[in-house]
Amino acid sequence: AANTFCKGQSGNPKAGKSAEWVKG
């Protein structure tokens, strides 16, 4: 979904990241 709808958008470093990445 991030690659399809959110390319070029910025502001949330956690968008499209895995749950493990977000937890860290």
mmCIF file of all heavy atoms, coordinates in Angstrom:
data_MODEL
# 
_entry.id   MODEL 
# 
loop_
_atom_site.group_PDB 
_atom_site.id 
_atom_site.type_symbol 
_atom_site.label_atom_id 
_atom_site.label_alt_id 
_atom_site.label_comp_id 
_atom_site.label_asym_id 
_atom_site.label_entity_id 
_atom_site.label_seq_id 
_atom_site.pdbx_PDB_ins_code 
_atom_site.Cartn_x 
_atom_site.Cartn_y 
_atom_site.Cartn_z 
_atom_site.occupancy 
_atom_site.B_iso_or_equiv 
_atom_site.pdbx_formal_charge 
_atom_site.auth_seq_id 
_atom_site.auth_comp_id 
_atom_site.auth_asym_id 
_atom_site.auth_atom_id 
_atom_site.pdbx_PDB_model_num 
ATOM 1   N N   . ALA A 1 1  ? 0.828  -1.205 0.000  1.00 0.00 ? 1  ALA A N   1 
ATOM 2   C CA  . ALA A 1 1  ? 0.000  0.000  0.000  1.00 0.00 ? 1  ALA A CA  1 
ATOM 3   C C   . ALA A 1 1  ? 0.860  1.251  0.000  1.00 0.00 ? 1  ALA A C   1 
ATOM 4   O O   . ALA A 1 1  ? 0.556  2.236  -0.691 1.00 0.00 ? 1  ALA A O   1 
ATOM 5   C CB  . ALA A 1 1  ? -0.926 -0.006 1.207  1.00 0.00 ? 1  ALA A CB  1 
ATOM 6   N N   . ALA A 1 2  ? 1.947  1.244  0.756  1.00 0.00 ? 2  ALA A N   1 
ATOM 7   C CA  . ALA A 1 2  ? 2.840  2.411  0.803  1.00 0.00 ? 2  ALA A CA  1 
ATOM 8   C C   . ALA A 1 2  ? 3.480  2.666  -0.551 1.00 0.00 ? 2  ALA A C   1 
ATOM 9   O O   . ALA A 1 2  ? 3.580  3.812  -1.001 1.00 0.00 ? 2  ALA A O   1 
ATOM 10  C CB  . ALA A 1 2  ? 3.901  2.204  1.875  1.00 0.00 ? 2  ALA A CB  1 
ATOM 11  N N   . ASN A 1 3  ? 3.901  1.593  -1.213 1.00 0.00 ? 3  ASN A N   1 
ATOM 12  C CA  . ASN A 1 3  ? 4.517  1.753  -2.540 1.00 0.00 ? 3  ASN A CA  1 
ATOM 13  C C   . ASN A 1 3  ? 3.504  2.174  -3.597 1.00 0.00 ? 3  ASN A C   1 
ATOM 14  O O   . ASN A 1 3  ? 3.855  2.827  -4.584 1.00 0.00 ? 3  ASN A O   1 
ATOM 15  C CB  . ASN A 1 3  ? 5.180  0.442  -2.967 1.00 0.00 ? 3  ASN A CB  1 
ATOM 16  C CG  . ASN A 1 3  ? 6.407  0.116  -2.140 1.00 0.00 ? 3  ASN A CG  1 
ATOM 17  O OD1 . ASN A 1 3  ? 7.048  1.007  -1.594 1.00 0.00 ? 3  ASN A OD1 1 
ATOM 18  N ND2 . ASN A 1 3  ? 6.738  -1.163 -2.029 1.00 0.00 ? 3  ASN A ND2 1 
ATOM 19  N N   . THR A 1 4  ? 2.233  1.800  -3.387 1.00 0.00 ? 4  THR A N   1 
ATOM 20  C CA  . THR A 1 4  ? 1.195  2.100  -4.374 1.00 0.00 ? 4  THR A CA  1 
ATOM 21  C C   . THR A 1 4  ? 0.606  3.491  -4.201 1.00 0.00 ? 4  THR A C   1 
ATOM 22  O O   . THR A 1 4  ? 0.409  4.229  -5.181 1.00 0.00 ? 4  THR A O   1 
ATOM 23  C CB  . THR A 1 4  ? 0.068  1.059  -4.285 1.00 0.00 ? 4  THR A CB  1 
ATOM 24  O OG1 . THR A 1 4  ? 0.617  -0.254 -4.471 1.00 0.00 ? 4  THR A OG1 1 
ATOM 25  C CG2 . THR A 1 4  ? -0.998 1.307  -5.355 1.00 0.00 ? 4  THR A CG2 1 
ATOM 26  N N   . PHE A 1 5  ? 0.337  3.879  -2.951 1.00 0.00 ? 5  PHE A N   1 
ATOM 27  C CA  . PHE A 1 5  ? -0.415 5.114  -2.701 1.00 0.00 ? 5  PHE A CA  1 
ATOM 28  C C   . PHE A 1 5  ? 0.396  6.231  -2.054 1.00 0.00 ? 5  PHE A C   1 
ATOM 29  O O   . PHE A 1 5  ? -0.056 7.380  -2.032 1.00 0.00 ? 5  PHE A O   1 
ATOM 30  C CB  . PHE A 1 5  ? -1.620 4.813  -1.807 1.00 0.00 ? 5  PHE A CB  1 
ATOM 31  C CG  . PHE A 1 5  ? -2.522 3.738  -2.334 1.00 0.00 ? 5  PHE A CG  1 
ATOM 32  C CD1 . PHE A 1 5  ? -2.578 2.496  -1.728 1.00 0.00 ? 5  PHE A CD1 1 
ATOM 33  C CD2 . PHE A 1 5  ? -3.314 3.964  -3.448 1.00 0.00 ? 5  PHE A CD2 1 
ATOM 34  C CE1 . PHE A 1 5  ? -3.406 1.503  -2.212 1.00 0.00 ? 5  PHE A CE1 1 
ATOM 35  C CE2 . PHE A 1 5  ? -4.151 2.978  -3.939 1.00 0.00 ? 5  PHE A CE2 1 
ATOM 36  C CZ  . PHE A 1 5  ? -4.193 1.730  -3.334 1.00 0.00 ? 5  PHE A CZ  1 
ATOM 37  N N   . CYS A 1 6  ? 1.554  5.944  -1.506 1.00 0.00 ? 6  CYS A N   1 
ATOM 38  C CA  . CYS A 1 6  ? 2.231  6.930  -0.669 1.00 0.00 ? 6  CYS A CA  1 
ATOM 39  C C   . CYS A 1 6  ? 3.585  7.378  -1.205 1.00 0.00 ? 6  CYS A C   1 
ATOM 40  O O   . CYS A 1 6  ? 4.346  8.032  -0.490 1.00 0.00 ? 6  CYS A O   1 
ATOM 41  C CB  . CYS A 1 6  ? 2.416  6.380  0.749  1.00 0.00 ? 6  CYS A CB  1 
ATOM 42  S SG  . CYS A 1 6  ? 0.893  5.780  1.503  1.00 0.00 ? 6  CYS A SG  1 
ATOM 43  N N   . LYS A 1 7  ? 3.919  7.032  -2.421 1.00 0.00 ? 7  LYS A N   1 
ATOM 44  C CA  . LYS A 1 7  ? 5.206  7.464  -2.963 1.00 0.00 ? 7  LYS A CA  1 
ATOM 45  C C   . LYS A 1 7  ? 5.242  8.982  -3.092 1.00 0.00 ? 7  LYS A C   1 
ATOM 46  O O   . LYS A 1 7  ? 4.275  9.595  -3.542 1.00 0.00 ? 7  LYS A O   1 
ATOM 47  C CB  . LYS A 1 7  ? 5.442  6.824  -4.328 1.00 0.00 ? 7  LYS A CB  1 
ATOM 48  C CG  . LYS A 1 7  ? 5.875  5.362  -4.237 1.00 0.00 ? 7  LYS A CG  1 
ATOM 49  C CD  . LYS A 1 7  ? 6.272  4.822  -5.591 1.00 0.00 ? 7  LYS A CD  1 
ATOM 50  C CE  . LYS A 1 7  ? 6.823  3.407  -5.463 1.00 0.00 ? 7  LYS A CE  1 
ATOM 51  N NZ  . LYS A 1 7  ? 7.238  2.870  -6.771 1.00 0.00 ? 7  LYS A NZ  1 
ATOM 52  N N   . GLY A 1 8  ? 6.331  9.567  -2.696 1.00 0.00 ? 8  GLY A N   1 
ATOM 53  C CA  . GLY A 1 8  ? 6.473  11.020 -2.781 1.00 0.00 ? 8  GLY A CA  1 
ATOM 54  C C   . GLY A 1 8  ? 5.986  11.738 -1.556 1.00 0.00 ? 8  GLY A C   1 
ATOM 55  O O   . GLY A 1 8  ? 6.224  12.928 -1.394 1.00 0.00 ? 8  GLY A O   1 
ATOM 56  N N   . GLN A 1 9  ? 5.287  11.023 -0.662 1.00 0.00 ? 9  GLN A N   1 
ATOM 57  C CA  . GLN A 1 9  ? 4.819  11.666 0.571  1.00 0.00 ? 9  GLN A CA  1 
ATOM 58  C C   . GLN A 1 9  ? 5.858  11.469 1.665  1.00 0.00 ? 9  GLN A C   1 
ATOM 59  O O   . GLN A 1 9  ? 6.575  10.474 1.709  1.00 0.00 ? 9  GLN A O   1 
ATOM 60  C CB  . GLN A 1 9  ? 3.485  11.062 1.011  1.00 0.00 ? 9  GLN A CB  1 
ATOM 61  C CG  . GLN A 1 9  ? 2.359  11.260 0.011  1.00 0.00 ? 9  GLN A CG  1 
ATOM 62  C CD  . GLN A 1 9  ? 1.016  10.852 0.584  1.00 0.00 ? 9  GLN A CD  1 
ATOM 63  O OE1 . GLN A 1 9  ? 0.818  10.909 1.786  1.00 0.00 ? 9  GLN A OE1 1 
ATOM 64  N NE2 . GLN A 1 9  ? 0.102  10.467 -0.277 1.00 0.00 ? 9  GLN A NE2 1 
ATOM 65  N N   . SER A 1 10 ? 5.925  12.421 2.551  1.00 0.00 ? 10 SER A N   1 
ATOM 66  C CA  . SER A 1 10 ? 6.873  12.335 3.659  1.00 0.00 ? 10 SER A CA  1 
ATOM 67  C C   . SER A 1 10 ? 6.205  12.856 4.924  1.00 0.00 ? 10 SER A C   1 
ATOM 68  O O   . SER A 1 10 ? 5.115  13.391 4.885  1.00 0.00 ? 10 SER A O   1 
ATOM 69  C CB  . SER A 1 10 ? 8.134  13.172 3.358  1.00 0.00 ? 10 SER A CB  1 
ATOM 70  O OG  . SER A 1 10 ? 7.789  14.529 3.158  1.00 0.00 ? 10 SER A OG  1 
ATOM 71  N N   . GLY A 1 11 ? 6.872  12.691 6.024  1.00 0.00 ? 11 GLY A N   1 
ATOM 72  C CA  . GLY A 1 11 ? 6.344  13.201 7.289  1.00 0.00 ? 11 GLY A CA  1 
ATOM 73  C C   . GLY A 1 11 ? 6.211  12.130 8.354  1.00 0.00 ? 11 GLY A C   1 
ATOM 74  O O   . GLY A 1 11 ? 6.212  12.426 9.536  1.00 0.00 ? 11 GLY A O   1 
ATOM 75  N N   . ASN A 1 12 ? 6.068  10.860 7.966  1.00 0.00 ? 12 ASN A N   1 
ATOM 76  C CA  . ASN A 1 12 ? 5.965  9.797  8.946  1.00 0.00 ? 12 ASN A CA  1 
ATOM 77  C C   . ASN A 1 12 ? 7.028  8.742  8.654  1.00 0.00 ? 12 ASN A C   1 
ATOM 78  O O   . ASN A 1 12 ? 6.887  7.960  7.714  1.00 0.00 ? 12 ASN A O   1 
ATOM 79  C CB  . ASN A 1 12 ? 4.569  9.163  8.910  1.00 0.00 ? 12 ASN A CB  1 
ATOM 80  C CG  . ASN A 1 12 ? 4.416  8.087  9.969  1.00 0.00 ? 12 ASN A CG  1 
ATOM 81  O OD1 . ASN A 1 12 ? 5.300  7.883  10.795 1.00 0.00 ? 12 ASN A OD1 1 
ATOM 82  N ND2 . ASN A 1 12 ? 3.290  7.396  9.947  1.00 0.00 ? 12 ASN A ND2 1 
ATOM 83  N N   . PRO A 1 13 ? 8.086  8.690  9.432  1.00 0.00 ? 13 PRO A N   1 
ATOM 84  C CA  . PRO A 1 13 ? 9.156  7.726  9.158  1.00 0.00 ? 13 PRO A CA  1 
ATOM 85  C C   . PRO A 1 13 ? 8.711  6.279  9.338  1.00 0.00 ? 13 PRO A C   1 
ATOM 86  O O   . PRO A 1 13 ? 9.395  5.363  8.884  1.00 0.00 ? 13 PRO A O   1 
ATOM 87  C CB  . PRO A 1 13 ? 10.237 8.106  10.182 1.00 0.00 ? 13 PRO A CB  1 
ATOM 88  C CG  . PRO A 1 13 ? 9.481  8.760  11.291 1.00 0.00 ? 13 PRO A CG  1 
ATOM 89  C CD  . PRO A 1 13 ? 8.350  9.506  10.627 1.00 0.00 ? 13 PRO A CD  1 
ATOM 90  N N   . LYS A 1 14 ? 7.558  6.059  10.011 1.00 0.00 ? 14 LYS A N   1 
ATOM 91  C CA  . LYS A 1 14 ? 7.113  4.697  10.287 1.00 0.00 ? 14 LYS A CA  1 
ATOM 92  C C   . LYS A 1 14 ? 6.179  4.151  9.218  1.00 0.00 ? 14 LYS A C   1 
ATOM 93  O O   . LYS A 1 14 ? 5.828  2.972  9.256  1.00 0.00 ? 14 LYS A O   1 
ATOM 94  C CB  . LYS A 1 14 ? 6.415  4.652  11.655 1.00 0.00 ? 14 LYS A CB  1 
ATOM 95  C CG  . LYS A 1 14 ? 7.329  5.024  12.805 1.00 0.00 ? 14 LYS A CG  1 
ATOM 96  C CD  . LYS A 1 14 ? 6.656  4.877  14.147 1.00 0.00 ? 14 LYS A CD  1 
ATOM 97  C CE  . LYS A 1 14 ? 5.663  5.973  14.418 1.00 0.00 ? 14 LYS A CE  1 
ATOM 98  N NZ  . LYS A 1 14 ? 5.084  5.891  15.770 1.00 0.00 ? 14 LYS A NZ  1 
ATOM 99  N N   . ALA A 1 15 ? 5.758  4.981  8.280  1.00 0.00 ? 15 ALA A N   1 
ATOM 100 C CA  . ALA A 1 15 ? 4.824  4.531  7.246  1.00 0.00 ? 15 ALA A CA  1 
ATOM 101 C C   . ALA A 1 15 ? 5.438  3.421  6.407  1.00 0.00 ? 15 ALA A C   1 
ATOM 102 O O   . ALA A 1 15 ? 6.544  3.547  5.899  1.00 0.00 ? 15 ALA A O   1 
ATOM 103 C CB  . ALA A 1 15 ? 4.422  5.702  6.356  1.00 0.00 ? 15 ALA A CB  1 
ATOM 104 N N   . GLY A 1 16 ? 4.713  2.319  6.277  1.00 0.00 ? 16 GLY A N   1 
ATOM 105 C CA  . GLY A 1 16 ? 5.175  1.204  5.466  1.00 0.00 ? 16 GLY A CA  1 
ATOM 106 C C   . GLY A 1 16 ? 6.243  0.338  6.101  1.00 0.00 ? 16 GLY A C   1 
ATOM 107 O O   . GLY A 1 16 ? 6.700  -0.613 5.474  1.00 0.00 ? 16 GLY A O   1 
ATOM 108 N N   . LYS A 1 17 ? 6.642  0.634  7.332  1.00 0.00 ? 17 LYS A N   1 
ATOM 109 C CA  . LYS A 1 17 ? 7.675  -0.159 7.997  1.00 0.00 ? 17 LYS A CA  1 
ATOM 110 C C   . LYS A 1 17 ? 7.043  -1.369 8.680  1.00 0.00 ? 17 LYS A C   1 
ATOM 111 O O   . LYS A 1 17 ? 5.852  -1.397 8.977  1.00 0.00 ? 17 LYS A O   1 
ATOM 112 C CB  . LYS A 1 17 ? 8.413  0.692  9.033  1.00 0.00 ? 17 LYS A CB  1 
ATOM 113 C CG  . LYS A 1 17 ? 9.162  1.878  8.442  1.00 0.00 ? 17 LYS A CG  1 
ATOM 114 C CD  . LYS A 1 17 ? 10.311 1.430  7.554  1.00 0.00 ? 17 LYS A CD  1 
ATOM 115 C CE  . LYS A 1 17 ? 11.144 2.607  7.094  1.00 0.00 ? 17 LYS A CE  1 
ATOM 116 N NZ  . LYS A 1 17 ? 12.278 2.191  6.237  1.00 0.00 ? 17 LYS A NZ  1 
ATOM 117 N N   . SER A 1 18 ? 7.867  -2.367 8.952  1.00 0.00 ? 18 SER A N   1 
ATOM 118 C CA  . SER A 1 18 ? 7.385  -3.569 9.626  1.00 0.00 ? 18 SER A CA  1 
ATOM 119 C C   . SER A 1 18 ? 7.083  -3.261 11.093 1.00 0.00 ? 18 SER A C   1 
ATOM 120 O O   . SER A 1 18 ? 7.565  -2.263 11.653 1.00 0.00 ? 18 SER A O   1 
ATOM 121 C CB  . SER A 1 18 ? 8.437  -4.678 9.548  1.00 0.00 ? 18 SER A CB  1 
ATOM 122 O OG  . SER A 1 18 ? 9.566  -4.356 10.356 1.00 0.00 ? 18 SER A OG  1 
ATOM 123 N N   . ALA A 1 19 ? 6.295  -4.141 11.693 1.00 0.00 ? 19 ALA A N   1 
ATOM 124 C CA  . ALA A 1 19 ? 5.931  -3.945 13.105 1.00 0.00 ? 19 ALA A CA  1 
ATOM 125 C C   . ALA A 1 19 ? 7.159  -3.981 14.006 1.00 0.00 ? 19 ALA A C   1 
ATOM 126 O O   . ALA A 1 19 ? 7.245  -3.229 14.979 1.00 0.00 ? 19 ALA A O   1 
ATOM 127 C CB  . ALA A 1 19 ? 4.934  -5.015 13.541 1.00 0.00 ? 19 ALA A CB  1 
ATOM 128 N N   . GLU A 1 20 ? 8.133  -4.846 13.711 1.00 0.00 ? 20 GLU A N   1 
ATOM 129 C CA  . GLU A 1 20 ? 9.346  -4.919 14.520 1.00 0.00 ? 20 GLU A CA  1 
ATOM 130 C C   . GLU A 1 20 ? 10.124 -3.609 14.440 1.00 0.00 ? 20 GLU A C   1 
ATOM 131 O O   . GLU A 1 20 ? 10.629 -3.110 15.438 1.00 0.00 ? 20 GLU A O   1 
ATOM 132 C CB  . GLU A 1 20 ? 10.230 -6.079 14.043 1.00 0.00 ? 20 GLU A CB  1 
ATOM 133 C CG  . GLU A 1 20 ? 9.657  -7.441 14.340 1.00 0.00 ? 20 GLU A CG  1 
ATOM 134 C CD  . GLU A 1 20 ? 9.457  -7.673 15.808 1.00 0.00 ? 20 GLU A CD  1 
ATOM 135 O OE1 . GLU A 1 20 ? 10.398 -7.436 16.581 1.00 0.00 ? 20 GLU A OE1 1 
ATOM 136 O OE2 . GLU A 1 20 ? 8.355  -8.084 16.200 1.00 0.00 ? 20 GLU A OE2 1 
ATOM 137 N N   . TRP A 1 21 ? 10.207 -3.033 13.254 1.00 0.00 ? 21 TRP A N   1 
ATOM 138 C CA  . TRP A 1 21 ? 10.899 -1.760 13.062 1.00 0.00 ? 21 TRP A CA  1 
ATOM 139 C C   . TRP A 1 21 ? 10.215 -0.674 13.868 1.00 0.00 ? 21 TRP A C   1 
ATOM 140 O O   . TRP A 1 21 ? 10.873 0.130  14.545 1.00 0.00 ? 21 TRP A O   1 
ATOM 141 C CB  . TRP A 1 21 ? 10.892 -1.415 11.575 1.00 0.00 ? 21 TRP A CB  1 
ATOM 142 C CG  . TRP A 1 21 ? 11.827 -0.313 11.166 1.00 0.00 ? 21 TRP A CG  1 
ATOM 143 C CD1 . TRP A 1 21 ? 13.062 -0.441 10.629 1.00 0.00 ? 21 TRP A CD1 1 
ATOM 144 C CD2 . TRP A 1 21 ? 11.580 1.109  11.244 1.00 0.00 ? 21 TRP A CD2 1 
ATOM 145 N NE1 . TRP A 1 21 ? 13.624 0.791  10.372 1.00 0.00 ? 21 TRP A NE1 1 
ATOM 146 C CE2 . TRP A 1 21 ? 12.736 1.767  10.740 1.00 0.00 ? 21 TRP A CE2 1 
ATOM 147 C CE3 . TRP A 1 21 ? 10.516 1.879  11.688 1.00 0.00 ? 21 TRP A CE3 1 
ATOM 148 C CZ2 . TRP A 1 21 ? 12.841 3.152  10.679 1.00 0.00 ? 21 TRP A CZ2 1 
ATOM 149 C CZ3 . TRP A 1 21 ? 10.618 3.264  11.638 1.00 0.00 ? 21 TRP A CZ3 1 
ATOM 150 C CH2 . TRP A 1 21 ? 11.767 3.896  11.128 1.00 0.00 ? 21 TRP A CH2 1 
ATOM 151 N N   . VAL A 1 22 ? 8.886  -0.621 13.799 1.00 0.00 ? 22 VAL A N   1 
ATOM 152 C CA  . VAL A 1 22 ? 8.122  0.411  14.513 1.00 0.00 ? 22 VAL A CA  1 
ATOM 153 C C   . VAL A 1 22 ? 8.284  0.267  16.020 1.00 0.00 ? 22 VAL A C   1 
ATOM 154 O O   . VAL A 1 22 ? 8.399  1.265  16.740 1.00 0.00 ? 22 VAL A O   1 
ATOM 155 C CB  . VAL A 1 22 ? 6.632  0.347  14.107 1.00 0.00 ? 22 VAL A CB  1 
ATOM 156 C CG1 . VAL A 1 22 ? 5.798  1.276  14.989 1.00 0.00 ? 22 VAL A CG1 1 
ATOM 157 C CG2 . VAL A 1 22 ? 6.468  0.728  12.642 1.00 0.00 ? 22 VAL A CG2 1 
ATOM 158 N N   . LYS A 1 23 ? 8.309  -0.963 16.522 1.00 0.00 ? 23 LYS A N   1 
ATOM 159 C CA  . LYS A 1 23 ? 8.467  -1.179 17.966 1.00 0.00 ? 23 LYS A CA  1 
ATOM 160 C C   . LYS A 1 23 ? 9.817  -0.639 18.442 1.00 0.00 ? 23 LYS A C   1 
ATOM 161 O O   . LYS A 1 23 ? 9.909  0.008  19.487 1.00 0.00 ? 23 LYS A O   1 
ATOM 162 C CB  . LYS A 1 23 ? 8.343  -2.660 18.285 1.00 0.00 ? 23 LYS A CB  1 
ATOM 163 C CG  . LYS A 1 23 ? 6.936  -3.204 18.136 1.00 0.00 ? 23 LYS A CG  1 
ATOM 164 C CD  . LYS A 1 23 ? 6.923  -4.715 18.210 1.00 0.00 ? 23 LYS A CD  1 
ATOM 165 C CE  . LYS A 1 23 ? 5.544  -5.281 17.914 1.00 0.00 ? 23 LYS A CE  1 
ATOM 166 N NZ  . LYS A 1 23 ? 5.548  -6.759 17.849 1.00 0.00 ? 23 LYS A NZ  1 
ATOM 167 N N   . GLY A 1 24 ? 10.865 -0.908 17.672 1.00 0.00 ? 24 GLY A N   1 
ATOM 168 C CA  . GLY A 1 24 ? 12.182 -0.386 18.040 1.00 0.00 ? 24 GLY A CA  1 
ATOM 169 C C   . GLY A 1 24 ? 12.226 1.126  17.968 1.00 0.00 ? 24 GLY A C   1 
ATOM 170 O O   . GLY A 1 24 ? 12.793 1.791  18.849 1.00 0.00 ? 24 GLY A O   1 
# 
